[in-house]
Protein backbone atom coordinates (compact mmCIF):
# COMPACT_ATOMS: atom_id res chain seq x y z
CA MET A 1 152.70 194.66 90.27
CA ALA A 2 150.15 192.18 91.51
CA LEU A 3 149.57 188.95 89.62
CA LEU A 4 145.82 188.48 89.18
CA THR A 5 144.42 185.01 89.88
CA ALA A 6 142.27 183.38 87.18
CA SER A 7 139.40 180.97 87.71
CA SER A 8 138.20 178.19 85.45
CA VAL A 9 134.47 177.83 84.91
CA THR A 10 134.04 174.13 84.26
CA GLN A 11 130.44 173.53 85.30
CA SER A 12 127.23 174.91 83.90
CA ALA A 13 126.91 177.06 87.04
CA SER A 14 129.98 178.28 88.91
CA ASN A 15 130.57 180.88 91.58
CA VAL A 16 133.58 183.15 91.12
CA ALA A 17 134.26 185.45 94.04
CA PRO A 18 135.57 188.95 93.33
CA ALA A 19 139.04 189.85 94.63
CA ALA A 20 140.80 193.16 95.31
CA ILE A 21 142.66 194.70 92.36
CA GLY A 22 145.68 197.00 92.43
CA THR A 23 146.57 199.95 90.24
CA SER A 24 149.21 197.94 88.33
CA ASN A 25 148.43 194.28 87.66
CA THR A 26 149.69 191.40 85.57
CA ILE A 27 148.07 188.31 84.08
CA SER A 28 150.23 185.31 83.24
CA ALA A 29 150.50 184.02 79.69
CA GLY A 30 149.35 180.64 81.01
CA ASP A 31 146.05 182.11 82.20
CA ILE A 32 145.52 183.90 78.88
CA GLY A 33 146.48 180.83 76.85
CA THR A 34 145.67 180.71 73.14
CA ARG A 35 141.98 181.52 73.61
CA GLY A 36 142.30 184.54 75.89
CA CYS A 37 140.58 185.36 79.15
CA LEU A 38 137.84 187.65 80.42
CA LEU A 39 138.48 190.30 83.06
CA ASN A 40 135.48 191.75 84.90
CA VAL A 41 136.31 195.02 86.70
CA ILE A 42 133.73 195.85 89.37
CA ASN A 43 133.75 199.47 90.51
CA GLY A 44 132.29 199.94 93.98
CA ALA A 45 133.95 203.34 94.36
CA ALA A 46 132.21 206.72 94.39
CA ALA A 47 133.86 207.81 91.13
CA SER A 48 134.63 206.37 87.70
CA VAL A 49 137.92 204.49 87.21
CA ASP A 50 139.94 203.99 84.03
CA VAL A 51 141.18 200.53 83.02
CA THR A 52 144.04 200.23 80.52
CA LEU A 53 145.13 197.02 78.78
CA VAL A 54 148.79 197.74 78.00
CA ASP A 55 149.84 196.97 74.42
CA PRO A 56 153.35 195.45 74.53
CA GLY A 57 153.75 195.76 70.76
CA ARG A 58 156.08 198.01 68.87
CA THR A 59 155.56 200.05 65.73
CA PRO A 60 157.97 199.60 62.80
CA ALA A 61 159.79 202.67 64.13
CA GLY A 62 160.24 200.99 67.53
CA ASN A 63 157.70 203.09 69.41
CA ALA A 64 155.49 201.58 72.10
CA GLY A 65 152.06 200.30 71.08
CA LEU A 66 149.02 202.48 71.58
CA VAL A 67 146.90 202.16 74.70
CA SER A 68 143.54 203.66 75.49
CA ALA A 69 141.90 203.78 78.86
CA GLN A 70 138.33 202.52 79.16
CA ALA A 71 136.09 203.99 81.85
CA VAL A 72 134.16 201.89 84.35
CA ALA A 73 131.52 204.13 85.90
CA ASN A 74 130.99 204.11 89.65
CA GLY A 75 128.60 201.43 90.84
CA THR A 76 128.97 199.40 87.62
CA ASP A 77 131.15 196.67 86.15
CA ARG A 78 132.69 196.12 82.74
CA TRP A 79 134.11 193.07 80.95
CA PHE A 80 137.41 193.12 79.06
CA ARG A 81 138.69 190.37 76.75
CA LEU A 82 142.46 189.86 76.80
CA GLY A 83 144.04 187.93 73.94
CA PRO A 84 147.51 186.43 73.57
CA ALA A 85 148.74 189.52 71.69
CA LEU A 86 148.66 191.47 74.97
CA VAL A 87 151.34 189.24 76.53
CA ASP A 88 154.76 190.89 76.51
CA PRO A 89 157.17 188.25 75.14
CA ALA A 90 159.99 189.67 77.29
CA THR A 91 158.08 189.22 80.57
CA GLY A 92 155.49 186.52 79.83
CA VAL A 93 152.65 188.58 81.30
CA ALA A 94 149.99 191.05 80.17
CA THR A 95 149.73 194.30 82.13
CA VAL A 96 146.47 195.93 83.22
CA THR A 97 146.39 199.27 85.03
CA VAL A 98 143.52 200.79 86.98
CA SER A 99 143.46 204.52 87.82
CA ALA A 100 142.29 203.88 91.41
CA ALA A 101 141.91 200.64 93.34
CA ALA A 102 139.94 201.55 96.47
CA SER A 103 136.61 199.68 96.42
CA VAL A 104 137.44 198.14 93.01
CA THR A 105 137.47 194.36 92.58
CA TYR A 106 137.86 191.91 89.70
CA LYS A 107 136.96 188.47 88.41
CA LEU A 108 139.30 186.80 85.88
CA ILE A 109 138.01 183.85 83.86
CA ARG A 110 140.11 181.56 81.62
CA LEU A 111 138.49 180.76 78.27
């Protein structure tokens, strides 16, 4: 798993360069903080990709939390908000998976 790097936007105008994303990624609890963070997935590939924010929660019966993949069409980008509830208390990170990583990049912004 690759740990994604977050940027802080502290000025009224900031440049944040996109970086390569993997198929299995983590975001540290410190970058998510109490306010969350924004993940921009930029799909430069020829086909749609699915992005999944993994729910580390458990149901009362002990089953894993529900996850649903969100599509990012080819040639587009999509923003995802990650809150503190997505951080797995056992690992201290949130997990984000992407169905394919070729020609897909990201920007991660701390709130």
